[in-house]
Structures are given as structure tokens and as C-alpha cells.
Amino acid sequence: MVQDIDIAAEELALGVLSLQEREALEAAARKDPSVARALRSAEARVHALGLLARPVAPPAALRARVLAAVAADGRFGRFVDRVAAILDVTMDRARDLLRGIDDPKSWADGGADGCDLFHLEGGPGALRAVCGFVRLRPGATFPDHEHVGLETVLVVQGAFVDSLGARVETGTQVEMVGGTKHSLTALPGPDLIYLARIYDGVIIGGELMAPGDPRI
């Protein structure tokens, strides 16, 4: 039995157990100190193995390909396909829009302290939507607003917490259905930058801002 626990503990430390197996083992550890000790010991052994591994330099050709890909797509290149899908535009168009984030001329005053907007037009699938990048300085808040239709948000830099208690970080894509409302505040770190697509507009301060409105 001890041997079985030791094996299971090592598998837990390596992250290869199923959710059900992991929950069962953790529950057993809360009840049995010997199981808890086995888990701590296995975690220490796995950690020690990681420290023994020697760093390996990538082949020069691989490094060159990676650097070339980064140069071609820019620092937000990993989001090209997702931006293309959200805005219903080509990959090349999405790539250009992501590069535009670093162009100061892309941004306009967002109407709130520490907030800027990068207005965008989507493809056929986003004609009924308000689309754009939003940039918030750390600590700045995008005011309380109501989504008329489905809102999709993709965070490409930074993180925020919203008034509903959700924390959203770089790489996360979230959706909120029409009729929901919240505000959001940028967390400490780099400027928060996210892509937003809201079908049929957004209500801010009781005023509807619909697609095509020059203020958004």
C-alpha cells in the first residue's frame, strides 16, 4: 500500500493523474499524515530532478526561425489567428491591426482618465458590432457599461479585474451576453490592452453608443 501511495504521489507531482485521481489523493492526504508526507516527499524529488537538468542551447537554425517569425508578426503575433476570427478579417489584416497597437497615431482619447481607444472596423461577421482595442493604464477603470449584444474580449497585454470579481489575464478570451453590465480596472504591471467586439453597441452612462458612432 505504501508503495502504491509513493507511486501515486510521484504521478501527482508530475501532473499525470486525472482530476478524479488527484482529488482522491489530496482528500486522503488531508485525513492521513503519512499520505501528506508522501506527497511532500514526491514533490521534493520531482523538483530536485528539474534542478539537475542541464539547459540545452537551441540549434542556430531553430533560433533564427523563431526570431524571424517574431520579427514578421510583431510582439503580438501569437494573437493573429484569434483577432482574425473575432473581427472576421484576414490574417494579414489582423497582423496589421496588432502591429498598429505600437503606433501612437492609432489611439484616441477614451473619455476616461488613463483610457485610450483604437477604433476598428471588422469584416462581414462584425458589421453589427462595436470593435476596437482598449488601453488602460494600471489602476485606471473603464466605466460601468451594459452590453446590448454579445461582448467578446481578448486580452493581449496586462490583466484586469472587473466589478463582478472576475480576474482576466493576458491570453484570456471571455464573453458576456447582452444585458450584462460591469466595469473593469487594470491591474498593476504593463498597460492593459484588450480587443473588444460588442454586437449592437454598448450603453455607457445611460447613453447608447451603436456601431458607426464616431465617439467609439
Protein backbone atom coordinates (compact mmCIF):
# COMPACT_ATOMS: atom_id res chain seq x y z
CA MET A 1 0.00 0.00 0.00
CA VAL A 2 2.87 2.38 0.87
CA GLN A 3 4.47 1.66 -2.47
CA ASP A 4 1.20 2.43 -4.27
CA ILE A 5 0.94 5.75 -2.43
CA ASP A 6 4.53 6.64 -3.29
CA ILE A 7 3.91 5.93 -6.98
CA ALA A 8 0.66 7.90 -6.97
CA ALA A 9 2.36 10.80 -5.16
CA GLU A 10 5.07 10.98 -7.80
CA GLU A 11 2.45 10.88 -10.57
CA LEU A 12 0.64 13.74 -8.83
CA ALA A 13 3.85 15.77 -8.65
CA LEU A 14 4.46 15.12 -12.34
CA GLY A 15 0.92 16.22 -13.21
CA VAL A 16 -0.11 12.98 -14.91
CA LEU A 17 -3.04 11.99 -12.68
CA SER A 18 -6.62 12.53 -13.77
CA LEU A 19 -8.73 15.12 -11.95
CA GLN A 20 -10.64 12.37 -10.11
CA GLU A 21 -7.42 10.60 -9.03
CA ARG A 22 -5.83 13.88 -7.92
CA GLU A 23 -8.85 14.87 -5.83
CA ALA A 24 -8.97 11.42 -4.20
CA LEU A 25 -5.27 11.53 -3.30
CA GLU A 26 -5.49 15.07 -1.93
CA ALA A 27 -8.52 14.09 0.15
CA ALA A 28 -6.57 11.13 1.55
CA ALA A 29 -3.65 13.44 2.42
CA ARG A 30 -5.96 15.66 4.45
CA LYS A 31 -7.02 12.65 6.54
CA ASP A 32 -3.74 10.70 6.80
CA PRO A 33 -0.46 12.43 7.77
CA SER A 34 1.58 9.63 6.18
CA VAL A 35 -0.05 10.31 2.81
CA ALA A 36 0.63 14.02 3.22
CA ARG A 37 4.30 13.26 3.93
CA ALA A 38 4.47 11.06 0.84
CA LEU A 39 3.10 13.90 -1.29
CA ARG A 40 5.63 16.40 0.07
CA SER A 41 8.48 13.95 -0.44
CA ALA A 42 7.45 13.19 -4.02
CA GLU A 43 7.15 16.90 -4.82
CA ALA A 44 10.66 17.49 -3.47
CA ARG A 45 12.10 14.63 -5.55
CA VAL A 46 10.47 15.85 -8.74
CA HIS A 47 11.66 19.41 -8.07
CA ALA A 48 15.22 18.14 -7.48
CA LEU A 49 15.18 16.30 -10.80
CA GLY A 50 14.28 19.54 -12.53
CA LEU A 51 17.25 21.29 -10.97
CA LEU A 52 19.59 18.57 -12.27
CA ALA A 53 18.56 19.11 -15.88
CA ARG A 54 21.12 20.97 -17.93
CA PRO A 55 19.95 23.81 -20.18
CA VAL A 56 20.34 23.00 -23.85
CA ALA A 57 21.02 25.71 -26.40
CA PRO A 58 18.60 25.52 -29.34
CA PRO A 59 20.06 24.84 -32.79
CA ALA A 60 21.07 28.02 -34.57
CA ALA A 61 18.61 27.36 -37.39
CA LEU A 62 15.69 26.99 -34.95
CA ARG A 63 16.65 30.19 -33.14
CA ALA A 64 16.82 32.03 -36.45
CA ARG A 65 13.37 30.77 -37.47
CA VAL A 66 11.83 31.81 -34.15
CA LEU A 67 13.38 35.29 -34.30
CA ALA A 68 12.27 35.70 -37.91
CA ALA A 69 8.71 34.73 -37.01
CA VAL A 70 8.65 37.25 -34.15
CA ALA A 71 10.00 39.98 -36.42
CA ALA A 72 7.39 39.21 -39.08
CA ASP A 73 4.36 39.15 -36.79
CA GLY A 74 5.45 41.64 -34.14
CA ARG A 75 5.25 41.20 -30.39
CA PHE A 76 1.53 40.35 -30.52
CA GLY A 77 1.97 37.78 -33.27
CA ARG A 78 0.58 34.89 -31.22
CA PHE A 79 -2.84 36.56 -31.28
CA VAL A 80 -3.12 36.95 -35.07
CA ASP A 81 -5.43 34.00 -35.65
CA ARG A 82 -7.72 34.86 -32.73
CA VAL A 83 -8.01 38.53 -33.72
CA ALA A 84 -8.77 37.48 -37.29
CA ALA A 85 -11.56 35.21 -36.05
CA ILE A 86 -13.09 37.77 -33.67
CA LEU A 87 -13.10 40.57 -36.24
CA ASP A 88 -13.81 38.31 -39.24
CA VAL A 89 -10.83 39.69 -41.17
CA THR A 90 -7.90 38.09 -42.96
CA MET A 91 -4.78 37.02 -41.13
CA ASP A 92 -2.81 39.77 -42.88
CA ARG A 93 -5.33 42.38 -41.76
CA ALA A 94 -5.25 41.08 -38.20
CA ARG A 95 -1.45 41.18 -38.26
CA ASP A 96 -1.52 44.82 -39.39
CA LEU A 97 -4.00 45.77 -36.67
CA LEU A 98 -1.89 44.16 -33.97
CA ARG A 99 1.19 45.98 -35.24
CA GLY A 100 -0.82 49.20 -35.03
CA ILE A 101 -1.01 48.87 -31.25
CA ASP A 102 2.54 50.22 -31.03
CA ASP A 103 1.77 53.21 -33.28
CA PRO A 104 0.81 56.25 -31.16
CA LYS A 105 -1.27 57.57 -34.06
CA SER A 106 -3.65 54.61 -33.75
CA TRP A 107 -5.01 55.77 -30.41
CA ALA A 108 -7.64 58.34 -29.45
CA ASP A 109 -8.76 59.65 -26.07
CA GLY A 110 -11.15 57.18 -24.48
CA GLY A 111 -13.03 59.78 -22.45
CA ALA A 112 -11.89 58.47 -19.05
CA ASP A 113 -8.67 59.02 -17.13
CA GLY A 114 -5.97 56.64 -18.32
CA CYS A 115 -8.12 55.19 -21.10
CA ASP A 116 -7.40 55.21 -24.85
CA LEU A 117 -9.29 53.66 -27.77
CA PHE A 118 -8.08 52.22 -31.07
CA HIS A 119 -11.16 52.19 -33.30
CA LEU A 120 -11.50 49.26 -35.72
CA GLU A 121 -13.82 48.03 -38.42
CA GLY A 122 -14.47 44.33 -38.61
CA GLY A 123 -15.35 42.15 -41.56
CA PRO A 124 -18.80 40.95 -42.65
CA GLY A 125 -19.32 38.97 -39.46
CA ALA A 126 -18.75 42.03 -37.28
CA LEU A 127 -20.70 44.70 -39.16
CA ARG A 128 -23.25 44.98 -36.33
CA ALA A 129 -20.55 45.28 -33.70
CA VAL A 130 -18.54 47.97 -32.00
CA CYS A 131 -14.93 46.86 -32.37
CA GLY A 132 -11.63 48.18 -31.10
CA PHE A 133 -8.64 47.86 -28.84
CA VAL A 134 -8.89 49.46 -25.41
CA ARG A 135 -5.81 50.55 -23.46
CA LEU A 136 -5.90 51.28 -19.73
CA ARG A 137 -3.05 52.48 -17.56
CA PRO A 138 -2.53 50.45 -14.35
CA GLY A 139 -5.20 51.43 -11.85
CA ALA A 140 -7.41 53.08 -14.50
CA THR A 141 -11.03 51.97 -14.82
CA PHE A 142 -13.24 51.53 -17.86
CA PRO A 143 -16.59 52.82 -16.55
CA ASP A 144 -19.68 50.77 -15.86
CA HIS A 145 -21.30 49.77 -19.15
CA GLU A 146 -24.05 47.49 -20.41
CA HIS A 147 -23.66 45.20 -23.42
CA VAL A 148 -26.55 45.43 -25.86
CA GLY A 149 -25.49 42.21 -27.56
CA LEU A 150 -22.78 39.61 -27.08
CA GLU A 151 -19.43 41.03 -25.96
CA THR A 152 -16.16 39.22 -26.73
CA VAL A 153 -12.92 40.40 -25.09
CA LEU A 154 -9.40 39.14 -25.79
CA VAL A 155 -6.61 40.43 -23.51
CA VAL A 156 -3.34 40.82 -25.43
CA GLN A 157 -1.37 42.55 -22.65
CA GLY A 158 -1.74 43.07 -18.91
CA ALA A 159 -4.63 41.99 -16.71
CA PHE A 160 -7.81 43.37 -15.18
CA VAL A 161 -10.37 42.67 -12.50
CA ASP A 162 -13.99 43.55 -13.16
CA SER A 163 -16.77 44.70 -10.85
CA LEU A 164 -18.20 41.16 -10.81
CA GLY A 165 -14.96 39.85 -9.28
CA ALA A 166 -13.52 38.16 -12.36
CA ARG A 167 -9.76 38.37 -12.93
CA VAL A 168 -8.72 38.22 -16.60
CA GLU A 169 -5.10 37.96 -17.73
CA THR A 170 -3.10 38.05 -20.95
CA GLY A 171 -4.23 35.44 -23.45
CA THR A 172 -7.68 35.02 -21.91
CA GLN A 173 -10.79 35.40 -24.05
CA VAL A 174 -14.13 35.97 -22.32
CA GLU A 175 -17.71 36.55 -23.46
CA MET A 176 -20.66 38.27 -21.82
CA VAL A 177 -24.19 38.09 -23.17
CA GLY A 178 -26.40 41.05 -23.97
CA GLY A 179 -27.97 42.72 -20.96
CA THR A 180 -24.98 42.12 -18.68
CA LYS A 181 -23.00 45.02 -17.28
CA HIS A 182 -19.75 45.66 -15.44
CA SER A 183 -16.78 47.99 -15.10
CA LEU A 184 -13.16 46.86 -15.18
CA THR A 185 -9.91 48.08 -13.65
CA ALA A 186 -6.39 47.48 -14.96
CA LEU A 187 -4.12 45.68 -12.52
CA PRO A 188 -0.51 46.71 -11.72
CA GLY A 189 2.03 45.89 -14.42
CA PRO A 190 2.12 46.79 -18.09
CA ASP A 191 -0.71 48.77 -19.65
CA LEU A 192 -3.83 46.68 -20.11
CA ILE A 193 -4.66 46.22 -23.80
CA TYR A 194 -7.63 44.19 -24.96
CA LEU A 195 -9.67 43.70 -28.10
CA ALA A 196 -13.42 44.19 -27.68
CA ARG A 197 -16.26 43.29 -30.02
CA ILE A 198 -19.78 44.14 -28.82
CA TYR A 199 -22.71 43.42 -31.09
CA ASP A 200 -25.37 46.15 -31.41
CA GLY A 201 -23.46 48.63 -29.27
CA VAL A 202 -22.85 49.46 -25.64
CA ILE A 203 -24.67 51.65 -23.10
CA ILE A 204 -22.47 53.96 -21.04
CA GLY A 205 -23.97 56.44 -18.60
CA GLY A 206 -27.44 55.60 -19.89
CA GLU A 207 -26.50 56.54 -23.46
CA LEU A 208 -26.41 54.04 -26.32
CA MET A 209 -23.28 54.05 -28.45
CA ALA A 210 -24.06 52.00 -31.52
CA PRO A 211 -21.82 50.76 -34.35
CA GLY A 212 -20.72 53.69 -36.50
CA ASP A 213 -20.89 56.21 -33.66
CA PRO A 214 -17.81 58.48 -34.10
CA ARG A 215 -17.24 58.55 -30.33
CA ILE A 216 -16.39 54.85 -30.37
